Amino acid sequence: PKAHAAHRAAAGRFATNILPIIREIQSAGRTSLREIAAALNARGV
């Protein structure tokens, strides 16, 4: 249970760190999930 909780916490921190990058991509006009994924891959994230 502790390992599972730690995993959830780490995943939450990761999402928080990546979200600003996704918002920046969305503001540039790439709003679909596929477009966002392509932009993240292009940036090396």
PDB file of all heavy atoms in Angstrom:
ATOM      1  N   PRO A   1       0.815  -1.224   0.000  1.00  0.00           N
ATOM      2  CA  PRO A   1       0.000   0.000   0.000  1.00  0.00           C
ATOM      3  C   PRO A   1       0.844   1.268   0.000  1.00  0.00           C
ATOM      4  O   PRO A   1       0.499   2.248  -0.658  1.00  0.00           O
ATOM      5  CB  PRO A   1      -0.806  -0.121   1.302  1.00  0.00           C
ATOM      6  CG  PRO A   1      -0.806  -1.584   1.619  1.00  0.00           C
ATOM      7  CD  PRO A   1       0.529  -2.075   1.174  1.00  0.00           C
ATOM      8  N   LYS A   2       1.948   1.256   0.742  1.00  0.00           N
ATOM      9  CA  LYS A   2       2.813   2.428   0.787  1.00  0.00           C
ATOM     10  C   LYS A   2       3.449   2.672  -0.576  1.00  0.00           C
ATOM     11  O   LYS A   2       3.569   3.821  -1.019  1.00  0.00           O
ATOM     12  CB  LYS A   2       3.887   2.246   1.855  1.00  0.00           C
ATOM     13  CG  LYS A   2       3.331   2.158   3.270  1.00  0.00           C
ATOM     14  CD  LYS A   2       4.445   1.945   4.284  1.00  0.00           C
ATOM     15  CE  LYS A   2       3.886   1.818   5.692  1.00  0.00           C
ATOM     16  NZ  LYS A   2       4.960   1.583   6.690  1.00  0.00           N
ATOM     17  N   ALA A   3       3.884   1.605  -1.220  1.00  0.00           N
ATOM     18  CA  ALA A   3       4.493   1.748  -2.541  1.00  0.00           C
ATOM     19  C   ALA A   3       3.485   2.282  -3.544  1.00  0.00           C
ATOM     20  O   ALA A   3       3.811   3.118  -4.396  1.00  0.00           O
ATOM     21  CB  ALA A   3       5.039   0.405  -3.007  1.00  0.00           C
ATOM     22  N   HIS A   4       2.235   1.808  -3.417  1.00  0.00           N
ATOM     23  CA  HIS A   4       1.186   2.270  -4.324  1.00  0.00           C
ATOM     24  C   HIS A   4       0.906   3.756  -4.101  1.00  0.00           C
ATOM     25  O   HIS A   4       0.743   4.526  -5.064  1.00  0.00           O
ATOM     26  CB  HIS A   4      -0.090   1.468  -4.102  1.00  0.00           C
ATOM     27  CG  HIS A   4      -1.169   1.749  -5.096  1.00  0.00           C
ATOM     28  ND1 HIS A   4      -0.983   1.579  -6.454  1.00  0.00           N
ATOM     29  CD2 HIS A   4      -2.445   2.198  -4.934  1.00  0.00           C
ATOM     30  CE1 HIS A   4      -2.097   1.914  -7.086  1.00  0.00           C
ATOM     31  NE2 HIS A   4      -2.994   2.298  -6.184  1.00  0.00           N
ATOM     32  N   ALA A   5       0.873   4.164  -2.845  1.00  0.00           N
ATOM     33  CA  ALA A   5       0.639   5.577  -2.537  1.00  0.00           C
ATOM     34  C   ALA A   5       1.789   6.442  -3.045  1.00  0.00           C
ATOM     35  O   ALA A   5       1.570   7.544  -3.566  1.00  0.00           O
ATOM     36  CB  ALA A   5       0.468   5.759  -1.025  1.00  0.00           C
ATOM     37  N   ALA A   6       3.005   5.948  -2.892  1.00  0.00           N
ATOM     38  CA  ALA A   6       4.167   6.699  -3.377  1.00  0.00           C
ATOM     39  C   ALA A   6       4.130   6.828  -4.895  1.00  0.00           C
ATOM     40  O   ALA A   6       4.490   7.871  -5.456  1.00  0.00           O
ATOM     41  CB  ALA A   6       5.456   6.011  -2.936  1.00  0.00           C
ATOM     42  N   HIS A   7       3.688   5.757  -5.548  1.00  0.00           N
ATOM     43  CA  HIS A   7       3.572   5.788  -7.007  1.00  0.00           C
ATOM     44  C   HIS A   7       2.542   6.830  -7.444  1.00  0.00           C
ATOM     45  O   HIS A   7       2.778   7.591  -8.397  1.00  0.00           O
ATOM     46  CB  HIS A   7       3.179   4.409  -7.529  1.00  0.00           C
ATOM     47  CG  HIS A   7       2.943   4.375  -9.008  1.00  0.00           C
ATOM     48  ND1 HIS A   7       3.971   4.419  -9.921  1.00  0.00           N
ATOM     49  CD2 HIS A   7       1.791   4.320  -9.730  1.00  0.00           C
ATOM     50  CE1 HIS A   7       3.464   4.391 -11.141  1.00  0.00           C
ATOM     51  NE2 HIS A   7       2.148   4.331 -11.053  1.00  0.00           N
ATOM     52  N   ARG A   8       1.415   6.870  -6.748  1.00  0.00           N
ATOM     53  CA  ARG A   8       0.387   7.865  -7.078  1.00  0.00           C
ATOM     54  C   ARG A   8       0.907   9.276  -6.860  1.00  0.00           C
ATOM     55  O   ARG A   8       0.652  10.176  -7.663  1.00  0.00           O
ATOM     56  CB  ARG A   8      -0.864   7.640  -6.220  1.00  0.00           C
ATOM     57  CG  ARG A   8      -1.678   6.416  -6.602  1.00  0.00           C
ATOM     58  CD  ARG A   8      -3.110   6.531  -6.066  1.00  0.00           C
ATOM     59  NE  ARG A   8      -3.123   6.809  -4.648  1.00  0.00           N
ATOM     60  CZ  ARG A   8      -3.130   5.890  -3.698  1.00  0.00           C
ATOM     61  NH1 ARG A   8      -3.118   4.603  -4.028  1.00  0.00           N
ATOM     62  NH2 ARG A   8      -3.157   6.228  -2.424  1.00  0.00           N
ATOM     63  N   ALA A   9       1.640   9.473  -5.768  1.00  0.00           N
ATOM     64  CA  ALA A   9       2.180  10.800  -5.483  1.00  0.00           C
ATOM     65  C   ALA A   9       3.182  11.227  -6.550  1.00  0.00           C
ATOM     66  O   ALA A   9       3.186  12.376  -7.001  1.00  0.00           O
ATOM     67  CB  ALA A   9       2.839  10.811  -4.102  1.00  0.00           C
ATOM     68  N   ALA A  10       4.036  10.284  -6.961  1.00  0.00           N
ATOM     69  CA  ALA A  10       5.024  10.595  -8.003  1.00  0.00           C
ATOM     70  C   ALA A  10       4.341  10.918  -9.324  1.00  0.00           C
ATOM     71  O   ALA A  10       4.741  11.839 -10.041  1.00  0.00           O
ATOM     72  CB  ALA A  10       5.988   9.423  -8.172  1.00  0.00           C
ATOM     73  N   ALA A  11       3.286  10.151  -9.636  1.00  0.00           N
ATOM     74  CA  ALA A  11       2.540  10.405 -10.868  1.00  0.00           C
ATOM     75  C   ALA A  11       1.868  11.770 -10.819  1.00  0.00           C
ATOM     76  O   ALA A  11       1.809  12.486 -11.835  1.00  0.00           O
ATOM     77  CB  ALA A  11       1.498   9.309 -11.084  1.00  0.00           C
ATOM     78  N   GLY A  12       1.374  12.147  -9.647  1.00  0.00           N
ATOM     79  CA  GLY A  12       0.758  13.464  -9.495  1.00  0.00           C
ATOM     80  C   GLY A  12       1.761  14.589  -9.694  1.00  0.00           C
ATOM     81  O   GLY A  12       1.460  15.590 -10.347  1.00  0.00           O
ATOM     82  N   ARG A  13       2.956  14.415  -9.129  1.00  0.00           N
ATOM     83  CA  ARG A  13       3.996  15.440  -9.298  1.00  0.00           C
ATOM     84  C   ARG A  13       4.406  15.543 -10.758  1.00  0.00           C
ATOM     85  O   ARG A  13       4.619  16.642 -11.281  1.00  0.00           O
ATOM     86  CB  ARG A  13       5.212  15.113  -8.431  1.00  0.00           C
ATOM     87  CG  ARG A  13       4.974  15.299  -6.930  1.00  0.00           C
ATOM     88  CD  ARG A  13       6.282  15.284  -6.172  1.00  0.00           C
ATOM     89  NE  ARG A  13       6.965  14.012  -6.303  1.00  0.00           N
ATOM     90  CZ  ARG A  13       6.793  12.989  -5.481  1.00  0.00           C
ATOM     91  NH1 ARG A  13       5.935  13.076  -4.477  1.00  0.00           N
ATOM     92  NH2 ARG A  13       7.466  11.865  -5.653  1.00  0.00           N
ATOM     93  N   PHE A  14       4.513  14.391 -11.421  1.00  0.00           N
ATOM     94  CA  PHE A  14       4.885  14.397 -12.837  1.00  0.00           C
ATOM     95  C   PHE A  14       3.832  15.139 -13.655  1.00  0.00           C
ATOM     96  O   PHE A  14       4.159  15.959 -14.526  1.00  0.00           O
ATOM     97  CB  PHE A  14       5.032  12.958 -13.341  1.00  0.00           C
ATOM     98  CG  PHE A  14       5.396  12.863 -14.792  1.00  0.00           C
ATOM     99  CD1 PHE A  14       6.698  13.063 -15.201  1.00  0.00           C
ATOM    100  CD2 PHE A  14       4.433  12.575 -15.749  1.00  0.00           C
ATOM    101  CE1 PHE A  14       7.043  12.974 -16.549  1.00  0.00           C
ATOM    102  CE2 PHE A  14       4.765  12.492 -17.089  1.00  0.00           C
ATOM    103  CZ  PHE A  14       6.074  12.698 -17.489  1.00  0.00           C
ATOM    104  N   ALA A  15       2.558  14.865 -13.388  1.00  0.00           N
ATOM    105  CA  ALA A  15       1.477  15.533 -14.118  1.00  0.00           C
ATOM    106  C   ALA A  15       1.529  17.039 -13.892  1.00  0.00           C
ATOM    107  O   ALA A  15       1.332  17.825 -14.826  1.00  0.00           O
ATOM    108  CB  ALA A  15       0.127  14.969 -13.673  1.00  0.00           C
ATOM    109  N   THR A  16       1.806  17.446 -12.658  1.00  0.00           N
ATOM    110  CA  THR A  16       1.888  18.874 -12.348  1.00  0.00           C
ATOM    111  C   THR A  16       3.017  19.546 -13.113  1.00  0.00           C
ATOM    112  O   THR A  16       2.883  20.685 -13.568  1.00  0.00           O
ATOM    113  CB  THR A  16       2.093  19.070 -10.833  1.00  0.00           C
ATOM    114  OG1 THR A  16       0.983  18.493 -10.133  1.00  0.00           O
ATOM    115  CG2 THR A  16       2.192  20.543 -10.480  1.00  0.00           C
ATOM    116  N   ASN A  17       4.147  18.850 -13.271  1.00  0.00           N
ATOM    117  CA  ASN A  17       5.290  19.419 -13.988  1.00  0.00           C
ATOM    118  C   ASN A  17       5.049  19.500 -15.490  1.00  0.00           C
ATOM    119  O   ASN A  17       5.538  20.419 -16.154  1.00  0.00           O
ATOM    120  CB  ASN A  17       6.540  18.582 -13.712  1.00  0.00           C
ATOM    121  CG  ASN A  17       7.015  18.706 -12.282  1.00  0.00           C
ATOM    122  OD1 ASN A  17       6.756  19.714 -11.626  1.00  0.00           O
ATOM    123  ND2 ASN A  17       7.704  17.693 -11.783  1.00  0.00           N
ATOM    124  N   ILE A  18       4.320  18.525 -16.039  1.00  0.00           N
ATOM    125  CA  ILE A  18       4.114  18.484 -17.484  1.00  0.00           C
ATOM    126  C   ILE A  18       2.955  19.380 -17.918  1.00  0.00           C
ATOM    127  O   ILE A  18       2.932  19.889 -19.048  1.00  0.00           O
ATOM    128  CB  ILE A  18       3.836  17.033 -17.942  1.00  0.00           C
ATOM    129  CG1 ILE A  18       5.056  16.157 -17.654  1.00  0.00           C
ATOM    130  CG2 ILE A  18       3.504  16.963 -19.428  1.00  0.00           C
ATOM    131  CD1 ILE A  18       6.312  16.570 -18.400  1.00  0.00           C
ATOM    132  N   LEU A  19       2.003  19.615 -17.022  1.00  0.00           N
ATOM    133  CA  LEU A  19       0.802  20.369 -17.394  1.00  0.00           C
ATOM    134  C   LEU A  19       1.111  21.750 -17.982  1.00  0.00           C
ATOM    135  O   LEU A  19       0.480  22.134 -18.981  1.00  0.00           O
ATOM    136  CB  LEU A  19      -0.121  20.502 -16.181  1.00  0.00           C
ATOM    137  CG  LEU A  19      -1.519  21.081 -16.484  1.00  0.00           C
ATOM    138  CD1 LEU A  19      -2.263  20.196 -17.489  1.00  0.00           C
ATOM    139  CD2 LEU A  19      -2.329  21.201 -15.201  1.00  0.00           C
ATOM    140  N   PRO A  20       2.073  22.541 -17.414  1.00  0.00           N
ATOM    141  CA  PRO A  20       2.358  23.844 -18.034  1.00  0.00           C
ATOM    142  C   PRO A  20       2.829  23.733 -19.476  1.00  0.00           C
ATOM    143  O   PRO A  20       2.532  24.597 -20.308  1.00  0.00           O
ATOM    144  CB  PRO A  20       3.448  24.427 -17.123  1.00  0.00           C
ATOM    145  CG  PRO A  20       3.263  23.741 -15.820  1.00  0.00           C
ATOM    146  CD  PRO A  20       2.816  22.352 -16.162  1.00  0.00           C
ATOM    147  N   ILE A  21       3.573  22.670 -19.779  1.00  0.00           N
ATOM    148  CA  ILE A  21       4.040  22.476 -21.156  1.00  0.00           C
ATOM    149  C   ILE A  21       2.857  22.188 -22.067  1.00  0.00           C
ATOM    150  O   ILE A  21       2.760  22.714 -23.184  1.00  0.00           O
ATOM    151  CB  ILE A  21       5.068  21.328 -21.206  1.00  0.00           C
ATOM    152  CG1 ILE A  21       6.228  21.591 -20.238  1.00  0.00           C
ATOM    153  CG2 ILE A  21       5.590  21.150 -22.628  1.00  0.00           C
ATOM    154  CD1 ILE A  21       7.214  20.453 -20.138  1.00  0.00           C
ATOM    155  N   ILE A  22       1.925  21.356 -21.590  1.00  0.00           N
ATOM    156  CA  ILE A  22       0.731  21.046 -22.388  1.00  0.00           C
ATOM    157  C   ILE A  22      -0.115  22.297 -22.604  1.00  0.00           C
ATOM    158  O   ILE A  22      -0.625  22.531 -23.703  1.00  0.00           O
ATOM    159  CB  ILE A  22      -0.089  19.933 -21.704  1.00  0.00           C
ATOM    160  CG1 ILE A  22       0.676  18.611 -21.754  1.00  0.00           C
ATOM    161  CG2 ILE A  22      -1.452  19.780 -22.370  1.00  0.00           C
ATOM    162  CD1 ILE A  22      -0.037  17.453 -21.100  1.00  0.00           C
ATOM    163  N   ARG A  23      -0.251  23.132 -21.575  1.00  0.00           N
ATOM    164  CA  ARG A  23      -1.031  24.364 -21.715  1.00  0.00           C
ATOM    165  C   ARG A  23      -0.389  25.287 -22.747  1.00  0.00           C
ATOM    166  O   ARG A  23      -1.090  25.959 -23.518  1.00  0.00           O
ATOM    167  CB  ARG A  23      -1.133  25.093 -20.372  1.00  0.00           C
ATOM    168  CG  ARG A  23      -1.890  24.331 -19.286  1.00  0.00           C
ATOM    169  CD  ARG A  23      -3.262  23.894 -19.739  1.00  0.00           C
ATOM    170  NE  ARG A  23      -4.030  23.250 -18.680  1.00  0.00           N
ATOM    171  CZ  ARG A  23      -4.932  22.337 -18.874  1.00  0.00           C
ATOM    172  NH1 ARG A  23      -5.196  21.927 -20.109  1.00  0.00           N
ATOM    173  NH2 ARG A  23      -5.593  21.795 -17.867  1.00  0.00           N
ATOM    174  N   GLU A  24       0.924  25.308 -22.757  1.00  0.00           N
ATOM    175  CA  GLU A  24       1.626  26.130 -23.751  1.00  0.00           C
ATOM    176  C   GLU A  24       1.358  25.603 -25.163  1.00  0.00           C
ATOM    177  O   GLU A  24       1.132  26.372 -26.102  1.00  0.00           O
ATOM    178  CB  GLU A  24       3.131  26.120 -23.460  1.00  0.00           C
ATOM    179  CG  GLU A  24       3.945  26.958 -24.443  1.00  0.00           C
ATOM    180  CD  GLU A  24       5.439  26.818 -24.197  1.00  0.00           C
ATOM    181  OE1 GLU A  24       5.826  26.358 -23.111  1.00  0.00           O
ATOM    182  OE2 GLU A  24       6.205  27.157 -25.107  1.00  0.00           O
ATOM    183  N   ILE A  25       1.376  24.289 -25.319  1.00  0.00           N
ATOM    184  CA  ILE A  25       1.095  23.675 -26.618  1.00  0.00           C
ATOM    185  C   ILE A  25      -0.333  23.987 -27.049  1.00  0.00           C
ATOM    186  O   ILE A  25      -0.592  24.323 -28.216  1.00  0.00           O
ATOM    187  CB  ILE A  25       1.321  22.153 -26.538  1.00  0.00           C
ATOM    188  CG1 ILE A  25       2.816  21.848 -26.346  1.00  0.00           C
ATOM    189  CG2 ILE A  25       0.799  21.450 -27.796  1.00  0.00           C
ATOM    190  CD1 ILE A  25       3.102  20.403 -26.018  1.00  0.00           C
ATOM    191  N   GLN A  26      -1.266  23.891 -26.114  1.00  0.00           N
ATOM    192  CA  GLN A  26      -2.668  24.182 -26.423  1.00  0.00           C
ATOM    193  C   GLN A  26      -2.857  25.639 -26.827  1.00  0.00           C
ATOM    194  O   GLN A  26      -3.630  25.943 -27.739  1.00  0.00           O
ATOM    195  CB  GLN A  26      -3.551  23.846 -25.216  1.00  0.00           C
ATOM    196  CG  GLN A  26      -3.658  22.354 -24.939  1.00  0.00           C
ATOM    197  CD  GLN A  26      -4.406  22.066 -23.635  1.00  0.00           C
ATOM    198  OE1 GLN A  26      -4.274  22.808 -22.655  1.00  0.00           O
ATOM    199  NE2 GLN A  26      -5.188  20.997 -23.612  1.00  0.00           N
ATOM    200  N   SER A  27      -2.146  26.535 -26.152  1.00  0.00           N
ATOM    201  CA  SER A  27      -2.282  27.956 -26.473  1.00  0.00           C
ATOM    202  C   SER A  27      -1.743  28.271 -27.868  1.00  0.00           C
ATOM    203  O   SER A  27      -2.103  29.285 -28.460  1.00  0.00           O
ATOM    204  CB  SER A  27      -1.556  28.806 -25.432  1.00  0.00           C
ATOM    205  OG  SER A  27      -0.165  28.599 -25.481  1.00  0.00           O
ATOM    206  N   ALA A  28      -0.864  27.394 -28.374  1.00  0.00           N
ATOM    207  CA  ALA A  28      -0.325  27.578 -29.722  1.00  0.00           C
ATOM    208  C   ALA A  28      -1.269  27.020 -30.790  1.00  0.00           C
ATOM    209  O   ALA A  28      -0.949  27.050 -31.982  1.00  0.00           O
ATOM    210  CB  ALA A  28       1.047  26.915 -29.833  1.00  0.00           C
ATOM    211  N   GLY A  29      -2.422  26.482 -30.373  1.00  0.00           N
ATOM    212  CA  GLY A  29      -3.427  26.020 -31.324  1.00  0.00           C
ATOM    213  C   GLY A  29      -3.483  24.523 -31.534  1.00  0.00           C
ATOM    214  O   GLY A  29      -4.301  24.035 -32.304  1.00  0.00           O
ATOM    215  N   ARG A  30      -2.614  23.774 -30.851  1.00  0.00           N
ATOM    216  CA  ARG A  30      -2.630  22.315 -30.979  1.00  0.00           C
ATOM    217  C   ARG A  30      -3.393  21.755 -29.783  1.00  0.00           C
ATOM    218  O   ARG A  30      -2.832  21.590 -28.712  1.00  0.00           O
ATOM    219  CB  ARG A  30      -1.203  21.788 -31.053  1.00  0.00           C
ATOM    220  CG  ARG A  30      -0.508  22.119 -32.375  1.00  0.00           C
ATOM    221  CD  ARG A  30       0.967  21.810 -32.360  1.00  0.00           C
ATOM    222  NE  ARG A  30       1.715  22.821 -31.624  1.00  0.00           N
ATOM    223  CZ  ARG A  30       3.044  22.865 -31.560  1.00  0.00           C
ATOM    224  NH1 ARG A  30       3.762  21.948 -32.172  1.00  0.00           N
ATOM    225  NH2 ARG A  30       3.650  23.818 -30.879  1.00  0.00           N
ATOM    226  N   THR A  31      -4.671  21.479 -30.002  1.00  0.00           N
ATOM    227  CA  THR A  31      -5.550  21.162 -28.870  1.00  0.00           C
ATOM    228  C   THR A  31      -5.998  19.715 -28.797  1.00  0.00           C
ATOM    229  O   THR A  31      -6.440  19.257 -27.743  1.00  0.00           O
ATOM    230  CB  THR A  31      -6.800  22.061 -28.924  1.00  0.00           C
ATOM    231  OG1 THR A  31      -7.453  21.877 -30.192  1.00  0.00           O
ATOM    232  CG2 THR A  31      -6.418  23.530 -28.782  1.00  0.00           C
ATOM    233  N   SER A  32      -5.931  18.971 -29.901  1.00  0.00           N
ATOM    234  CA  SER A  32      -6.370  17.581 -29.836  1.00  0.00           C
ATOM    235  C   SER A  32      -5.332  16.741 -29.096  1.00  0.00           C
ATOM    236  O   SER A  32      -4.160  17.107 -29.005  1.00  0.00           O
ATOM    237  CB  SER A  32      -6.571  17.018 -31.248  1.00  0.00           C
ATOM    238  OG  SER A  32      -5.331  16.799 -31.890  1.00  0.00           O
ATOM    239  N   LEU A  33      -5.773  15.601 -28.565  1.00  0.00           N
ATOM    240  CA  LEU A  33      -4.853  14.721 -27.832  1.00  0.00           C
ATOM    241  C   LEU A  33      -3.710  14.263 -28.728  1.00  0.00           C
ATOM    242  O   LEU A  33      -2.556  14.194 -28.290  1.00  0.00           O
ATOM    243  CB  LEU A  33      -5.629  13.511 -27.294  1.00  0.00           C
ATOM    244  CG  LEU A  33      -6.700  13.809 -26.238  1.00  0.00           C
ATOM    245  CD1 LEU A  33      -7.455  12.542 -25.885  1.00  0.00           C
ATOM    246  CD2 LEU A  33      -6.082  14.425 -24.989  1.00  0.00           C
ATOM    247  N   ARG A  34      -4.028  13.959 -29.977  1.00  0.00           N
ATOM    248  CA  ARG A  34      -2.992  13.501 -30.899  1.00  0.00           C
ATOM    249  C   ARG A  34      -1.976  14.603 -31.181  1.00  0.00           C
ATOM    250  O   ARG A  34      -0.764  14.369 -31.221  1.00  0.00           O
ATOM    251  CB  ARG A  34      -3.628  13.036 -32.210  1.00  0.00           C
ATOM    252  CG  ARG A  34      -2.621  12.502 -33.227  1.00  0.00           C
ATOM    253  CD  ARG A  34      -3.313  12.003 -34.485  1.00  0.00           C
ATOM    254  NE  ARG A  34      -4.207  10.882 -34.175  1.00  0.00           N
ATOM    255  CZ  ARG A  34      -4.946  10.274 -35.100  1.00  0.00           C
ATOM    256  NH1 ARG A  34      -4.921  10.687 -36.359  1.00  0.00           N
ATOM    257  NH2 ARG A  34      -5.718   9.263 -34.752  1.00  0.00           N
ATOM    258  N   GLU A  35      -2.457  15.837 -31.362  1.00  0.00           N
ATOM    259  CA  GLU A  35      -1.555  16.962 -31.624  1.00  0.00           C
ATOM    260  C   GLU A  35      -0.673  17.259 -30.415  1.00  0.00           C
ATOM    261  O   GLU A  35       0.523  17.545 -30.560  1.00  0.00           O
ATOM    262  CB  GLU A  35      -2.370  18.200 -31.994  1.00  0.00           C
ATOM    263  CG  GLU A  35      -3.025  18.141 -33.363  1.00  0.00           C
ATOM    264  CD  GLU A  35      -3.949  19.321 -33.615  1.00  0.00           C
ATOM    265  OE1 GLU A  35      -4.509  19.864 -32.636  1.00  0.00           O
ATOM    266  OE2 GLU A  35      -4.121  19.682 -34.790  1.00  0.00           O
ATOM    267  N   ILE A  36      -1.252  17.178 -29.238  1.00  0.00           N
ATOM    268  CA  ILE A  36      -0.471  17.418 -28.020  1.00  0.00           C
ATOM    269  C   ILE A  36       0.605  16.355 -27.868  1.00  0.00           C
ATOM    270  O   ILE A  36       1.761  16.656 -27.536  1.00  0.00           O
ATOM    271  CB  ILE A  36      -1.394  17.443 -26.792  1.00  0.00           C
ATOM    272  CG1 ILE A  36      -2.336  18.647 -26.861  1.00  0.00           C
ATOM    273  CG2 ILE A  36      -0.571  17.490 -25.499  1.00  0.00           C
ATOM    274  CD1 ILE A  36      -3.430  18.630 -25.818  1.00  0.00           C
ATOM    275  N   ALA A  37       0.232  15.086 -28.099  1.00  0.00           N
ATOM    276  CA  ALA A  37       1.209  13.995 -27.998  1.00  0.00           C
ATOM    277  C   ALA A  37       2.347  14.203 -28.983  1.00  0.00           C
ATOM    278  O   ALA A  37       3.530  14.028 -28.639  1.00  0.00           O
ATOM    279  CB  ALA A  37       0.516  12.655 -28.250  1.00  0.00           C
ATOM    280  N   ALA A  38       2.022  14.594 -30.223  1.00  0.00           N
ATOM    281  CA  ALA A  38       3.052  14.805 -31.240  1.00  0.00           C
ATOM    282  C   ALA A  38       3.984  15.944 -30.834  1.00  0.00           C
ATOM    283  O   ALA A  38       5.217  15.865 -31.035  1.00  0.00           O
ATOM    284  CB  ALA A  38       2.403  15.101 -32.591  1.00  0.00           C
ATOM    285  N   ALA A  39       3.420  17.015 -30.270  1.00  0.00           N
ATOM    286  CA  ALA A  39       4.234  18.152 -29.857  1.00  0.00           C
ATOM    287  C   ALA A  39       5.158  17.780 -28.698  1.00  0.00           C
ATOM    288  O   ALA A  39       6.325  18.192 -28.661  1.00  0.00           O
ATOM    289  CB  ALA A  39       3.329  19.322 -29.454  1.00  0.00           C
ATOM    290  N   LEU A  40       4.660  17.004 -27.739  1.00  0.00           N
ATOM    291  CA  LEU A  40       5.502  16.560 -26.621  1.00  0.00           C
ATOM    292  C   LEU A  40       6.647  15.694 -27.119  1.00  0.00           C
ATOM    293  O   LEU A  40       7.799  15.846 -26.687  1.00  0.00           O
ATOM    294  CB  LEU A  40       4.652  15.783 -25.611  1.00  0.00           C
ATOM    295  CG  LEU A  40       3.669  16.604 -24.768  1.00  0.00           C
ATOM    296  CD1 LEU A  40       2.737  15.691 -23.993  1.00  0.00           C
ATOM    297  CD2 LEU A  40       4.407  17.529 -23.816  1.00  0.00           C
ATOM    298  N   ASN A  41       6.349  14.780 -28.035  1.00  0.00           N
ATOM    299  CA  ASN A  41       7.401  13.918 -28.583  1.00  0.00           C
ATOM    300  C   ASN A  41       8.426  14.728 -29.358  1.00  0.00           C
ATOM    301  O   ASN A  41       9.631  14.454 -29.300  1.00  0.00           O
ATOM    302  CB  ASN A  41       6.784  12.848 -29.484  1.00  0.00           C
ATOM    303  CG  ASN A  41       5.971  11.834 -28.700  1.00  0.00           C
ATOM    304  OD1 ASN A  41       6.257  11.556 -27.545  1.00  0.00           O
ATOM    305  ND2 ASN A  41       4.945  11.269 -29.320  1.00  0.00           N
ATOM    306  N   ALA A  42       7.955  15.741 -30.102  1.00  0.00           N
ATOM    307  CA  ALA A  42       8.862  16.574 -30.881  1.00  0.00           C
ATOM    308  C   ALA A  42       9.814  17.358 -29.979  1.00  0.00           C
ATOM    309  O   ALA A  42      10.963  17.604 -30.337  1.00  0.00           O
ATOM    310  CB  ALA A  42       8.066  17.538 -31.766  1.00  0.00           C
ATOM    311  N   ARG A  43       9.337  17.715 -28.798  1.00  0.00           N
ATOM    312  CA  ARG A  43      10.171  18.459 -27.852  1.00  0.00           C
ATOM    313  C   ARG A  43      11.098  17.559 -27.045  1.00  0.00           C
ATOM    314  O   ARG A  43      11.899  18.038 -26.256  1.00  0.00           O
ATOM    315  CB  ARG A  43       9.287  19.257 -26.885  1.00  0.00           C
ATOM    316  CG  ARG A  43       8.508  20.380 -27.566  1.00  0.00           C
ATOM    317  CD  ARG A  43       7.730  21.195 -26.555  1.00  0.00           C
ATOM    318  NE  ARG A  43       7.005  22.273 -27.185  1.00  0.00           N
ATOM    319  CZ  ARG A  43       6.444  23.271 -26.516  1.00  0.00           C
ATOM    320  NH1 ARG A  43       6.522  23.301 -25.197  1.00  0.00           N
ATOM    321  NH2 ARG A  43       5.791  24.229 -27.157  1.00  0.00           N
ATOM    322  N   GLY A  44      10.961  16.268 -27.210  1.00  0.00           N
ATOM    323  CA  GLY A  44      11.804  15.344 -26.462  1.00  0.00           C
ATOM    324  C   GLY A  44      11.317  15.078 -25.057  1.00  0.00           C
ATOM    325  O   GLY A  44      12.043  14.503 -24.237  1.00  0.00           O
ATOM    326  N   VAL A  45      10.085  15.486 -24.752  1.00  0.00           N
ATOM    327  CA  VAL A  45       9.515  15.214 -23.427  1.00  0.00           C
ATOM    328  C   VAL A  45       9.040  13.771 -23.390  1.00  0.00           C
ATOM    329  O   VAL A  45       8.345  13.311 -24.289  1.00  0.00           O
ATOM    330  CB  VAL A  45       8.327  16.158 -23.142  1.00  0.00           C
ATOM    331  CG1 VAL A  45       7.749  15.882 -21.760  1.00  0.00           C
ATOM    332  CG2 VAL A  45       8.772  17.614 -23.250  1.00  0.00           C
TER     333      VAL A  45
END
